[in-house]
Amino acid sequence: MTEALVSIPTFSKLSSRVWRVLGLNPGKVTLQGTNTYILGAGAQKLLIDCGQGVSEYTPLLENSLKDIQADAYISDIIISHGHFDHWGGLHDILSSSILNPKKQIRVHKFPLPSGKHIDHLKDFPQDISVLPLKDEQTFKVDDATLKVIYTPGHTSDHCTFWLEEEKSLFTADCVLGQGSTIFEDLHQYLSGLDKLARLQPRRLYPGHGPVIENGTDKINEYIRHRLEREDQIIQLFNQQDGWTPMEIVKVLYKDYPESLHLPAARSVVLHLYKLHKDGKAKTAKHYDFVQENYPHIINSKWYWVNQNNL
């Protein structure tokens, strides 16, 4: 990412019912750090995501709650998805005598679909009871109605959250405040973005990066970017049939350093898998998209199913 990162305060009031607390875990993937959000106009608050588990985060969260309202408390923690930087702070928060004195904070997360796996979840604390989120489930606190929107693609358990009173979205990692995100299933990812665009959100509260005004425009920008890349791949099939992902990378990313070609191949592969799901492309031997298959995947020839569709 070449765009300079916008400076974000560790604690910010974003609206009359939304506050952001940074996870204090800046990095190449996490940008300024994971955004966690306190939600609710009254004493009862919801917390969306809880950072990576950086030791300084819990005291920051404790002080932020006090600054908002003397009697503020967290009733529920809602985890957007299984990546560690969004749930790693759970144990410290639940163990805090200030944040959880009566041990009554409820934790919610969408369950992994059958047969799916996320490496980050292997260290998820087994002693924490987690209530399963459901698509379109609603949480209600003072002057804030939050609806769960299941949007797989970034991960298979990824959820976003619609704030009815503001017509705004907490987008977690499917739309970022700066740059673009990664995904594990492009077909699902684009379907999720289409679903979110139809809501016409005014504002986006992302999992990383600054708040986005004109939310619908940003979502449509993400969709256009992916479809433009797909069209470039289709045009290569129009020139000749039979391409490996690495051959495609060497054409589409010819102006980029070779050190970026292997990471770029992942994006190309996921575009090809989407075209496969769409019934437009095929390979002689189809491999599941898992790490051990990757050397075979990036060097396998892909073919257009029907040249008349080009």
C-alpha atoms as a PDB file:
ATOM      1  CA  MET A   1       0.000   0.000   0.000  1.00  0.00           C
ATOM      2  CA  THR A   2       1.563   3.309  -1.065  1.00  0.00           C
ATOM      3  CA  GLU A   3      -1.065   5.704   0.300  1.00  0.00           C
ATOM      4  CA  ALA A   4       0.088   7.474   3.471  1.00  0.00           C
ATOM      5  CA  LEU A   5      -1.956   6.421   6.473  1.00  0.00           C
ATOM      6  CA  VAL A   6      -4.258   9.024   7.983  1.00  0.00           C
ATOM      7  CA  SER A   7      -3.571   9.690  11.659  1.00  0.00           C
ATOM      8  CA  ILE A   8      -6.333   8.331  13.907  1.00  0.00           C
ATOM      9  CA  PRO A   9      -6.693   9.245  17.614  1.00  0.00           C
ATOM     10  CA  THR A  10      -6.705   6.352  20.058  1.00  0.00           C
ATOM     11  CA  PHE A  11     -10.185   7.404  21.214  1.00  0.00           C
ATOM     12  CA  SER A  12     -12.746   9.374  19.199  1.00  0.00           C
ATOM     13  CA  LYS A  13     -16.401  10.338  19.417  1.00  0.00           C
ATOM     14  CA  LEU A  14     -17.810   9.730  15.933  1.00  0.00           C
ATOM     15  CA  SER A  15     -21.499  10.492  16.500  1.00  0.00           C
ATOM     16  CA  SER A  16     -23.999  10.871  19.328  1.00  0.00           C
ATOM     17  CA  ARG A  17     -24.070   7.078  19.702  1.00  0.00           C
ATOM     18  CA  VAL A  18     -20.747   5.796  18.280  1.00  0.00           C
ATOM     19  CA  TRP A  19     -17.198   5.980  19.659  1.00  0.00           C
ATOM     20  CA  ARG A  20     -14.040   4.419  18.242  1.00  0.00           C
ATOM     21  CA  VAL A  21     -11.244   2.913  20.354  1.00  0.00           C
ATOM     22  CA  LEU A  22      -8.091   1.901  18.480  1.00  0.00           C
ATOM     23  CA  GLY A  23      -6.729  -1.581  19.124  1.00  0.00           C
ATOM     24  CA  LEU A  24      -3.173  -0.168  19.420  1.00  0.00           C
ATOM     25  CA  ASN A  25      -1.875  -2.765  16.960  1.00  0.00           C
ATOM     26  CA  PRO A  26      -0.662  -0.821  13.904  1.00  0.00           C
ATOM     27  CA  GLY A  27       0.901  -2.828  11.101  1.00  0.00           C
ATOM     28  CA  LYS A  28       1.107  -3.610   7.410  1.00  0.00           C
ATOM     29  CA  VAL A  29      -2.182  -5.538   7.470  1.00  0.00           C
ATOM     30  CA  THR A  30      -3.937  -3.747  10.334  1.00  0.00           C
ATOM     31  CA  LEU A  31      -3.066  -0.225   9.050  1.00  0.00           C
ATOM     32  CA  GLN A  32      -3.471   2.238  11.960  1.00  0.00           C
ATOM     33  CA  GLY A  33      -4.701  -0.665  14.092  1.00  0.00           C
ATOM     34  CA  THR A  34      -7.979  -2.501  14.506  1.00  0.00           C
ATOM     35  CA  ASN A  35     -10.955  -0.210  15.060  1.00  0.00           C
ATOM     36  CA  THR A  36     -13.219  -1.238  17.916  1.00  0.00           C
ATOM     37  CA  TYR A  37     -16.511   0.566  18.395  1.00  0.00           C
ATOM     38  CA  ILE A  38     -18.579   1.449  21.454  1.00  0.00           C
ATOM     39  CA  LEU A  39     -22.236   1.853  20.570  1.00  0.00           C
ATOM     40  CA  GLY A  40     -25.253   3.215  22.448  1.00  0.00           C
ATOM     41  CA  ALA A  41     -26.511   6.587  23.705  1.00  0.00           C
ATOM     42  CA  GLY A  42     -27.320   5.438  27.250  1.00  0.00           C
ATOM     43  CA  ALA A  43     -25.354   3.667  29.969  1.00  0.00           C
ATOM     44  CA  GLN A  44     -25.637   0.264  28.286  1.00  0.00           C
ATOM     45  CA  LYS A  45     -23.111  -0.156  25.480  1.00  0.00           C
ATOM     46  CA  LEU A  46     -22.339  -2.666  22.764  1.00  0.00           C
ATOM     47  CA  LEU A  47     -18.704  -3.267  21.798  1.00  0.00           C
ATOM     48  CA  ILE A  48     -18.016  -4.263  18.194  1.00  0.00           C
ATOM     49  CA  ASP A  49     -14.707  -6.160  18.051  1.00  0.00           C
ATOM     50  CA  CYS A  50     -12.096  -5.952  20.789  1.00  0.00           C
ATOM     51  CA  GLY A  51      -8.672  -5.700  19.220  1.00  0.00           C
ATOM     52  CA  GLN A  52      -5.725  -8.064  19.193  1.00  0.00           C
ATOM     53  CA  GLY A  53      -5.018  -8.362  22.899  1.00  0.00           C
ATOM     54  CA  VAL A  54      -2.411  -5.597  23.232  1.00  0.00           C
ATOM     55  CA  SER A  55      -1.967  -5.059  26.985  1.00  0.00           C
ATOM     56  CA  GLU A  56      -2.566  -1.301  26.780  1.00  0.00           C
ATOM     57  CA  TYR A  57      -5.919  -1.733  25.027  1.00  0.00           C
ATOM     58  CA  THR A  58      -8.025  -2.782  28.027  1.00  0.00           C
ATOM     59  CA  PRO A  59      -7.012   0.240  30.174  1.00  0.00           C
ATOM     60  CA  LEU A  60      -7.723   2.468  27.165  1.00  0.00           C
ATOM     61  CA  LEU A  61     -11.174   0.913  26.821  1.00  0.00           C
ATOM     62  CA  GLU A  62     -11.825   1.325  30.554  1.00  0.00           C
ATOM     63  CA  ASN A  63     -10.885   5.017  30.464  1.00  0.00           C
ATOM     64  CA  SER A  64     -12.833   5.593  27.261  1.00  0.00           C
ATOM     65  CA  LEU A  65     -16.020   4.254  28.840  1.00  0.00           C
ATOM     66  CA  LYS A  66     -15.543   6.549  31.844  1.00  0.00           C
ATOM     67  CA  ASP A  67     -15.029   9.520  29.548  1.00  0.00           C
ATOM     68  CA  ILE A  68     -18.257   8.739  27.694  1.00  0.00           C
ATOM     69  CA  GLN A  69     -20.428   8.358  30.780  1.00  0.00           C
ATOM     70  CA  ALA A  70     -19.661   7.665  34.435  1.00  0.00           C
ATOM     71  CA  ASP A  71     -22.043   4.705  34.642  1.00  0.00           C
ATOM     72  CA  ALA A  72     -21.354   3.311  31.152  1.00  0.00           C
ATOM     73  CA  TYR A  73     -20.955  -0.456  30.903  1.00  0.00           C
ATOM     74  CA  ILE A  74     -20.564  -3.072  28.168  1.00  0.00           C
ATOM     75  CA  SER A  75     -23.377  -5.602  28.012  1.00  0.00           C
ATOM     76  CA  ASP A  76     -22.348  -7.379  24.803  1.00  0.00           C
ATOM     77  CA  ILE A  77     -19.240  -7.875  22.681  1.00  0.00           C
ATOM     78  CA  ILE A  78     -19.989  -8.592  19.023  1.00  0.00           C
ATOM     79  CA  ILE A  79     -17.151 -10.156  17.025  1.00  0.00           C
ATOM     80  CA  SER A  80     -17.229  -9.425  13.288  1.00  0.00           C
ATOM     81  CA  HIS A  81     -15.160 -12.438  12.174  1.00  0.00           C
ATOM     82  CA  GLY A  82     -12.486 -14.927  13.141  1.00  0.00           C
ATOM     83  CA  HIS A  83      -9.281 -13.005  12.472  1.00  0.00           C
ATOM     84  CA  PHE A  84      -7.248 -12.668  15.659  1.00  0.00           C
ATOM     85  CA  ASP A  85      -6.952  -8.880  15.576  1.00  0.00           C
ATOM     86  CA  HIS A  86     -10.726  -8.626  16.043  1.00  0.00           C
ATOM     87  CA  TRP A  87     -11.169 -10.953  19.041  1.00  0.00           C
ATOM     88  CA  GLY A  88      -7.741 -11.186  20.705  1.00  0.00           C
ATOM     89  CA  GLY A  89      -8.717  -8.764  23.486  1.00  0.00           C
ATOM     90  CA  LEU A  90     -11.604 -10.911  24.729  1.00  0.00           C
ATOM     91  CA  HIS A  91      -9.814 -12.579  27.622  1.00  0.00           C
ATOM     92  CA  ASP A  92      -8.437  -9.330  29.075  1.00  0.00           C
ATOM     93  CA  ILE A  93     -11.806  -7.577  28.845  1.00  0.00           C
ATOM     94  CA  LEU A  94     -13.754 -10.433  30.400  1.00  0.00           C
ATOM     95  CA  SER A  95     -11.150 -10.675  33.183  1.00  0.00           C
ATOM     96  CA  SER A  96     -11.276  -6.940  33.951  1.00  0.00           C
ATOM     97  CA  SER A  97     -12.794  -6.113  37.336  1.00  0.00           C
ATOM     98  CA  ILE A  98     -13.711  -2.691  35.935  1.00  0.00           C
ATOM     99  CA  LEU A  99     -15.274  -3.757  32.635  1.00  0.00           C
ATOM    100  CA  ASN A 100     -16.816  -7.031  33.771  1.00  0.00           C
ATOM    101  CA  PRO A 101     -17.206  -6.946  37.582  1.00  0.00           C
ATOM    102  CA  LYS A 102     -20.287  -9.179  37.608  1.00  0.00           C
ATOM    103  CA  LYS A 103     -19.064 -11.461  34.796  1.00  0.00           C
ATOM    104  CA  GLN A 104     -22.174 -10.679  32.765  1.00  0.00           C
ATOM    105  CA  ILE A 105     -20.752  -9.522  29.415  1.00  0.00           C
ATOM    106  CA  ARG A 106     -22.149 -11.659  26.614  1.00  0.00           C
ATOM    107  CA  VAL A 107     -19.977 -12.546  23.597  1.00  0.00           C
ATOM    108  CA  HIS A 108     -21.461 -13.081  20.120  1.00  0.00           C
ATOM    109  CA  LYS A 109     -19.912 -14.357  16.891  1.00  0.00           C
ATOM    110  CA  PHE A 110     -21.198 -15.937  13.681  1.00  0.00           C
ATOM    111  CA  PRO A 111     -20.352 -19.671  13.693  1.00  0.00           C
ATOM    112  CA  LEU A 112     -18.014 -21.110  11.083  1.00  0.00           C
ATOM    113  CA  PRO A 113     -19.969 -22.893   8.344  1.00  0.00           C
ATOM    114  CA  SER A 114     -19.531 -26.661   8.284  1.00  0.00           C
ATOM    115  CA  GLY A 115     -16.253 -27.719   6.696  1.00  0.00           C
ATOM    116  CA  LYS A 116     -14.688 -24.257   6.928  1.00  0.00           C
ATOM    117  CA  HIS A 117     -11.506 -23.435   8.835  1.00  0.00           C
ATOM    118  CA  ILE A 118      -9.756 -20.246   9.968  1.00  0.00           C
ATOM    119  CA  ASP A 119      -6.195 -20.627  11.281  1.00  0.00           C
ATOM    120  CA  HIS A 120      -6.631 -17.579  13.526  1.00  0.00           C
ATOM    121  CA  LEU A 121      -9.331 -19.366  15.532  1.00  0.00           C
ATOM    122  CA  LYS A 122      -7.054 -22.172  16.724  1.00  0.00           C
ATOM    123  CA  ASP A 123      -6.065 -19.981  19.700  1.00  0.00           C
ATOM    124  CA  PHE A 124      -9.596 -18.775  20.472  1.00  0.00           C
ATOM    125  CA  PRO A 125     -10.073 -19.193  24.249  1.00  0.00           C
ATOM    126  CA  GLN A 126     -12.083 -22.330  24.893  1.00  0.00           C
ATOM    127  CA  ASP A 127     -13.253 -21.149  28.313  1.00  0.00           C
ATOM    128  CA  ILE A 128     -15.338 -18.319  26.814  1.00  0.00           C
ATOM    129  CA  SER A 129     -18.998 -18.979  26.094  1.00  0.00           C
ATOM    130  CA  VAL A 130     -19.954 -17.597  22.674  1.00  0.00           C
ATOM    131  CA  LEU A 131     -23.513 -17.017  21.517  1.00  0.00           C
ATOM    132  CA  PRO A 132     -24.035 -17.640  17.778  1.00  0.00           C
ATOM    133  CA  LEU A 133     -24.878 -14.607  15.663  1.00  0.00           C
ATOM    134  CA  LYS A 134     -27.629 -15.025  13.081  1.00  0.00           C
ATOM    135  CA  ASP A 135     -28.151 -13.154   9.835  1.00  0.00           C
ATOM    136  CA  GLU A 136     -30.571 -10.228  10.409  1.00  0.00           C
ATOM    137  CA  GLN A 137     -30.395 -10.654  14.189  1.00  0.00           C
ATOM    138  CA  THR A 138     -31.028  -7.330  15.945  1.00  0.00           C
ATOM    139  CA  PHE A 139     -29.427  -5.766  19.028  1.00  0.00           C
ATOM    140  CA  LYS A 140     -31.170  -2.853  20.716  1.00  0.00           C
ATOM    141  CA  VAL A 141     -29.674  -0.384  23.203  1.00  0.00           C
ATOM    142  CA  ASP A 142     -30.598   3.246  23.923  1.00  0.00           C
ATOM    143  CA  ASP A 143     -31.033   5.091  20.612  1.00  0.00           C
ATOM    144  CA  ALA A 144     -29.185   2.402  18.657  1.00  0.00           C
ATOM    145  CA  THR A 145     -30.591  -0.524  16.674  1.00  0.00           C
ATOM    146  CA  LEU A 146     -27.934  -2.807  15.214  1.00  0.00           C
ATOM    147  CA  LYS A 147     -28.745  -5.491  12.627  1.00  0.00           C
ATOM    148  CA  VAL A 148     -26.384  -8.321  11.731  1.00  0.00           C
ATOM    149  CA  ILE A 149     -25.681  -8.741   8.004  1.00  0.00           C
ATOM    150  CA  TYR A 150     -23.854 -11.948   7.102  1.00  0.00           C
ATOM    151  CA  THR A 151     -21.290 -11.048   4.419  1.00  0.00           C
ATOM    152  CA  PRO A 152     -18.868 -13.930   3.820  1.00  0.00           C
ATOM    153  CA  GLY A 153     -15.992 -13.566   1.406  1.00  0.00           C
ATOM    154  CA  HIS A 154     -13.246 -11.931   3.445  1.00  0.00           C
ATOM    155  CA  THR A 155     -13.724 -14.943   5.707  1.00  0.00           C
ATOM    156  CA  SER A 156     -16.490 -17.532   5.791  1.00  0.00           C
ATOM    157  CA  ASP A 157     -17.806 -16.170   9.126  1.00  0.00           C
ATOM    158  CA  HIS A 158     -17.613 -12.452   8.312  1.00  0.00           C
ATOM    159  CA  CYS A 159     -20.457 -10.149   9.379  1.00  0.00           C
ATOM    160  CA  THR A 160     -21.183  -6.467   8.964  1.00  0.00           C
ATOM    161  CA  PHE A 161     -23.632  -4.451  11.051  1.00  0.00           C
ATOM    162  CA  TRP A 162     -26.331  -1.972  10.009  1.00  0.00           C
ATOM    163  CA  LEU A 163     -26.994   0.952  12.359  1.00  0.00           C
ATOM    164  CA  GLU A 164     -30.606   1.825  11.649  1.00  0.00           C
ATOM    165  CA  GLU A 165     -30.702   5.267  13.300  1.00  0.00           C
ATOM    166  CA  GLU A 166     -27.821   6.555  11.167  1.00  0.00           C
ATOM    167  CA  LYS A 167     -28.335   4.466   8.017  1.00  0.00           C
ATOM    168  CA  SER A 168     -24.682   3.566   8.482  1.00  0.00           C
ATOM    169  CA  LEU A 169     -22.624   0.362   8.317  1.00  0.00           C
ATOM    170  CA  PHE A 170     -19.922  -1.173  10.433  1.00  0.00           C
ATOM    171  CA  THR A 171     -18.092  -2.905   7.579  1.00  0.00           C
ATOM    172  CA  ALA A 172     -15.410  -4.799   9.544  1.00  0.00           C
ATOM    173  CA  ASP A 173     -12.868  -5.997   6.949  1.00  0.00           C
ATOM    174  CA  CYS A 174     -14.934  -6.138   3.743  1.00  0.00           C
ATOM    175  CA  VAL A 175     -14.453  -2.381   3.177  1.00  0.00           C
ATOM    176  CA  LEU A 176     -11.497  -0.545   4.717  1.00  0.00           C
ATOM    177  CA  GLY A 177     -10.993   3.132   5.423  1.00  0.00           C
ATOM    178  CA  GLN A 178      -7.893   3.137   3.216  1.00  0.00           C
ATOM    179  CA  GLY A 179      -6.677   0.809   0.484  1.00  0.00           C
ATOM    180  CA  SER A 180      -8.285  -2.493  -0.428  1.00  0.00           C
ATOM    181  CA  THR A 181      -8.877  -5.673   1.513  1.00  0.00           C
ATOM    182  CA  ILE A 182      -8.085  -9.347   0.962  1.00  0.00           C
ATOM    183  CA  PHE A 183     -10.682 -12.080   0.561  1.00  0.00           C
ATOM    184  CA  GLU A 184     -10.847 -15.856   0.434  1.00  0.00           C
ATOM    185  CA  ASP A 185     -13.886 -16.224  -1.849  1.00  0.00           C
ATOM    186  CA  LEU A 186     -14.412 -13.523  -4.470  1.00  0.00           C
ATOM    187  CA  HIS A 187     -17.832 -14.793  -5.537  1.00  0.00           C
ATOM    188  CA  GLN A 188     -19.158 -14.483  -1.976  1.00  0.00           C
ATOM    189  CA  TYR A 189     -17.276 -11.244  -1.410  1.00  0.00           C
ATOM    190  CA  LEU A 190     -18.836  -9.462  -4.387  1.00  0.00           C
ATOM    191  CA  SER A 191     -22.276 -10.812  -3.500  1.00  0.00           C
ATOM    192  CA  GLY A 192     -21.849  -9.322  -0.037  1.00  0.00           C
ATOM    193  CA  LEU A 193     -20.777  -5.958  -1.439  1.00  0.00           C
ATOM    194  CA  ASP A 194     -23.825  -5.940  -3.719  1.00  0.00           C
ATOM    195  CA  LYS A 195     -26.032  -6.595  -0.697  1.00  0.00           C
ATOM    196  CA  LEU A 196     -24.430  -3.720   1.223  1.00  0.00           C
ATOM    197  CA  ALA A 197     -24.623  -1.311  -1.721  1.00  0.00           C
ATOM    198  CA  ARG A 198     -28.376  -1.879  -1.948  1.00  0.00           C
ATOM    199  CA  LEU A 199     -28.710  -0.556   1.609  1.00  0.00           C
ATOM    200  CA  GLN A 200     -27.291   2.790   0.392  1.00  0.00           C
ATOM    201  CA  PRO A 201     -25.390   3.538   3.606  1.00  0.00           C
ATOM    202  CA  ARG A 202     -24.544   7.137   4.355  1.00  0.00           C
ATOM    203  CA  ARG A 203     -21.427   6.383   6.377  1.00  0.00           C
ATOM    204  CA  LEU A 204     -19.088   3.421   6.833  1.00  0.00           C
ATOM    205  CA  TYR A 205     -17.345   2.535  10.079  1.00  0.00           C
ATOM    206  CA  PRO A 206     -14.552   0.201   8.866  1.00  0.00           C
ATOM    207  CA  GLY A 207     -12.540  -2.385  10.773  1.00  0.00           C
ATOM    208  CA  HIS A 208      -9.348  -0.524   9.852  1.00  0.00           C
ATOM    209  CA  GLY A 209      -8.747   3.054   8.775  1.00  0.00           C
ATOM    210  CA  PRO A 210     -10.780   6.263   9.009  1.00  0.00           C
ATOM    211  CA  VAL A 211     -14.548   6.672   8.793  1.00  0.00           C
ATOM    212  CA  ILE A 212     -15.867   6.836   5.216  1.00  0.00           C
ATOM    213  CA  GLU A 213     -18.514   9.376   4.294  1.00  0.00           C
ATOM    214  CA  ASN A 214     -20.597   8.686   1.158  1.00  0.00           C
ATOM    215  CA  GLY A 215     -20.565   5.009   2.011  1.00  0.00           C
ATOM    216  CA  THR A 216     -22.476   3.775  -1.030  1.00  0.00           C
ATOM    217  CA  ASP A 217     -19.936   5.378  -3.372  1.00  0.00           C
ATOM    218  CA  LYS A 218     -17.054   3.614  -1.614  1.00  0.00           C
ATOM    219  CA  ILE A 219     -18.744   0.208  -1.814  1.00  0.00           C
ATOM    220  CA  ASN A 220     -19.445   0.696  -5.514  1.00  0.00           C
ATOM    221  CA  GLU A 221     -15.805   1.710  -6.002  1.00  0.00           C
ATOM    222  CA  TYR A 222     -14.721  -1.611  -4.437  1.00  0.00           C
ATOM    223  CA  ILE A 223     -17.084  -3.509  -6.740  1.00  0.00           C
ATOM    224  CA  ARG A 224     -15.839  -1.676  -9.851  1.00  0.00           C
ATOM    225  CA  HIS A 225     -12.211  -2.353  -8.962  1.00  0.00           C
ATOM    226  CA  ARG A 226     -12.782  -6.102  -8.764  1.00  0.00           C
ATOM    227  CA  LEU A 227     -14.903  -6.267 -11.911  1.00  0.00           C
ATOM    228  CA  GLU A 228     -12.304  -4.281 -13.857  1.00  0.00           C
ATOM    229  CA  ARG A 229      -9.648  -6.833 -12.875  1.00  0.00           C
ATOM    230  CA  GLU A 230     -11.980  -9.655 -13.879  1.00  0.00           C
ATOM    231  CA  ASP A 231     -12.542  -8.032 -17.260  1.00  0.00           C
ATOM    232  CA  GLN A 232      -8.775  -7.800 -17.805  1.00  0.00           C
ATOM    233  CA  ILE A 233      -8.467 -11.539 -17.156  1.00  0.00           C
ATOM    234  CA  ILE A 234     -11.333 -12.302 -19.533  1.00  0.00           C
ATOM    235  CA  GLN A 235      -9.654 -10.241 -22.250  1.00  0.00           C
ATOM    236  CA  LEU A 236      -6.542 -12.406 -21.942  1.00  0.00           C
ATOM    237  CA  PHE A 237      -8.671 -15.487 -22.599  1.00  0.00           C
ATOM    238  CA  ASN A 238      -9.983 -13.657 -25.641  1.00  0.00           C
ATOM    239  CA  GLN A 239      -6.407 -13.359 -26.954  1.00  0.00           C
ATOM    240  CA  GLN A 240      -5.551 -17.022 -26.369  1.00  0.00           C
ATOM    241  CA  ASP A 241      -6.940 -19.945 -24.404  1.00  0.00           C
ATOM    242  CA  GLY A 242      -4.977 -21.689 -21.691  1.00  0.00           C
ATOM    243  CA  TRP A 243      -3.356 -19.519 -19.016  1.00  0.00           C
ATOM    244  CA  THR A 244      -1.762 -20.287 -15.659  1.00  0.00           C
ATOM    245  CA  PRO A 245      -2.312 -17.746 -12.869  1.00  0.00           C
ATOM    246  CA  MET A 246       1.397 -16.865 -12.934  1.00  0.00           C
ATOM    247  CA  GLU A 247       1.255 -16.231 -16.684  1.00  0.00           C
ATOM    248  CA  ILE A 248      -1.674 -13.880 -16.119  1.00  0.00           C
ATOM    249  CA  VAL A 249       0.240 -12.093 -13.349  1.00  0.00           C
ATOM    250  CA  LYS A 250       3.235 -11.498 -15.619  1.00  0.00           C
ATOM    251  CA  VAL A 251       0.955  -9.681 -18.069  1.00  0.00           C
ATOM    252  CA  LEU A 252      -1.334  -7.747 -15.721  1.00  0.00           C
ATOM    253  CA  TYR A 253       1.387  -6.881 -13.193  1.00  0.00           C
ATOM    254  CA  LYS A 254       4.283  -6.421 -15.617  1.00  0.00           C
ATOM    255  CA  ASP A 255       4.993  -2.937 -14.250  1.00  0.00           C
ATOM    256  CA  TYR A 256       5.215  -4.180 -10.665  1.00  0.00           C
ATOM    257  CA  PRO A 257       8.360  -5.602  -8.988  1.00  0.00           C
ATOM    258  CA  GLU A 258       8.669  -9.382  -9.345  1.00  0.00           C
ATOM    259  CA  SER A 259       8.641  -9.629  -5.552  1.00  0.00           C
ATOM    260  CA  LEU A 260       4.931  -8.731  -5.721  1.00  0.00           C
ATOM    261  CA  HIS A 261       4.042 -11.300  -8.368  1.00  0.00           C
ATOM    262  CA  LEU A 262       3.464 -14.201  -5.984  1.00  0.00           C
ATOM    263  CA  PRO A 263       1.112 -12.196  -3.704  1.00  0.00           C
ATOM    264  CA  ALA A 264      -0.666 -10.890  -6.820  1.00  0.00           C
ATOM    265  CA  ALA A 265      -1.158 -14.467  -8.005  1.00  0.00           C
ATOM    266  CA  ARG A 266      -3.462 -15.088  -5.043  1.00  0.00           C
ATOM    267  CA  SER A 267      -5.843 -12.391  -6.256  1.00  0.00           C
ATOM    268  CA  VAL A 268      -5.725 -13.755  -9.813  1.00  0.00           C
ATOM    269  CA  VAL A 269      -6.439 -17.282  -8.560  1.00  0.00           C
ATOM    270  CA  LEU A 270      -9.475 -16.067  -6.629  1.00  0.00           C
ATOM    271  CA  HIS A 271     -10.762 -14.296  -9.738  1.00  0.00           C
ATOM    272  CA  LEU A 272     -10.370 -17.565 -11.677  1.00  0.00           C
ATOM    273  CA  TYR A 273     -12.207 -19.479  -8.956  1.00  0.00           C
ATOM    274  CA  LYS A 274     -15.046 -16.959  -9.200  1.00  0.00           C
ATOM    275  CA  LEU A 275     -15.179 -17.423 -12.983  1.00  0.00           C
ATOM    276  CA  HIS A 276     -15.249 -21.174 -12.351  1.00  0.00           C
ATOM    277  CA  LYS A 277     -18.245 -20.752 -10.014  1.00  0.00           C
ATOM    278  CA  ASP A 278     -19.883 -18.582 -12.670  1.00  0.00           C
ATOM    279  CA  GLY A 279     -19.455 -21.436 -15.159  1.00  0.00           C
ATOM    280  CA  LYS A 280     -17.109 -19.388 -17.362  1.00  0.00           C
ATOM    281  CA  ALA A 281     -13.672 -20.911 -16.737  1.00  0.00           C
ATOM    282  CA  LYS A 282     -12.316 -24.353 -15.949  1.00  0.00           C
ATOM    283  CA  THR A 283      -9.052 -26.129 -15.238  1.00  0.00           C
ATOM    284  CA  ALA A 284      -7.998 -29.675 -16.071  1.00  0.00           C
ATOM    285  CA  LYS A 285      -7.676 -30.511 -12.380  1.00  0.00           C
ATOM    286  CA  HIS A 286      -9.515 -28.401  -9.832  1.00  0.00           C
ATOM    287  CA  TYR A 287      -7.757 -28.015  -6.472  1.00  0.00           C
ATOM    288  CA  ASP A 288      -9.348 -26.838  -3.243  1.00  0.00           C
ATOM    289  CA  PHE A 289      -7.981 -23.416  -2.317  1.00  0.00           C
ATOM    290  CA  VAL A 290      -5.829 -24.470   0.649  1.00  0.00           C
ATOM    291  CA  GLN A 291      -2.184 -23.717   1.395  1.00  0.00           C
ATOM    292  CA  GLU A 292      -0.777 -27.142   0.537  1.00  0.00           C
ATOM    293  CA  ASN A 293      -2.316 -26.984  -2.948  1.00  0.00           C
ATOM    294  CA  TYR A 294      -1.033 -23.508  -3.761  1.00  0.00           C
ATOM    295  CA  PRO A 295       2.085 -24.518  -5.778  1.00  0.00           C
ATOM    296  CA  HIS A 296      -0.156 -26.636  -8.026  1.00  0.00           C
ATOM    297  CA  ILE A 297      -2.868 -23.977  -8.272  1.00  0.00           C
ATOM    298  CA  ILE A 298      -0.692 -21.106  -9.509  1.00  0.00           C
ATOM    299  CA  ASN A 299       0.850 -23.260 -12.250  1.00  0.00           C
ATOM    300  CA  SER A 300      -2.309 -25.024 -13.478  1.00  0.00           C
ATOM    301  CA  LYS A 301      -3.688 -24.115 -16.908  1.00  0.00           C
ATOM    302  CA  TRP A 302      -7.114 -22.492 -17.032  1.00  0.00           C
ATOM    303  CA  TYR A 303      -9.421 -22.472 -20.043  1.00  0.00           C
ATOM    304  CA  TRP A 304     -12.497 -20.511 -21.096  1.00  0.00           C
ATOM    305  CA  VAL A 305     -15.646 -22.645 -21.056  1.00  0.00           C
ATOM    306  CA  ASN A 306     -17.399 -20.984 -23.995  1.00  0.00           C
ATOM    307  CA  GLN A 307     -15.433 -18.707 -26.300  1.00  0.00           C
ATOM    308  CA  ASN A 308     -18.720 -17.321 -27.669  1.00  0.00           C
ATOM    309  CA  ASN A 309     -19.288 -15.649 -24.284  1.00  0.00           C
ATOM    310  CA  LEU A 310     -16.223 -13.445 -24.615  1.00  0.00           C
END
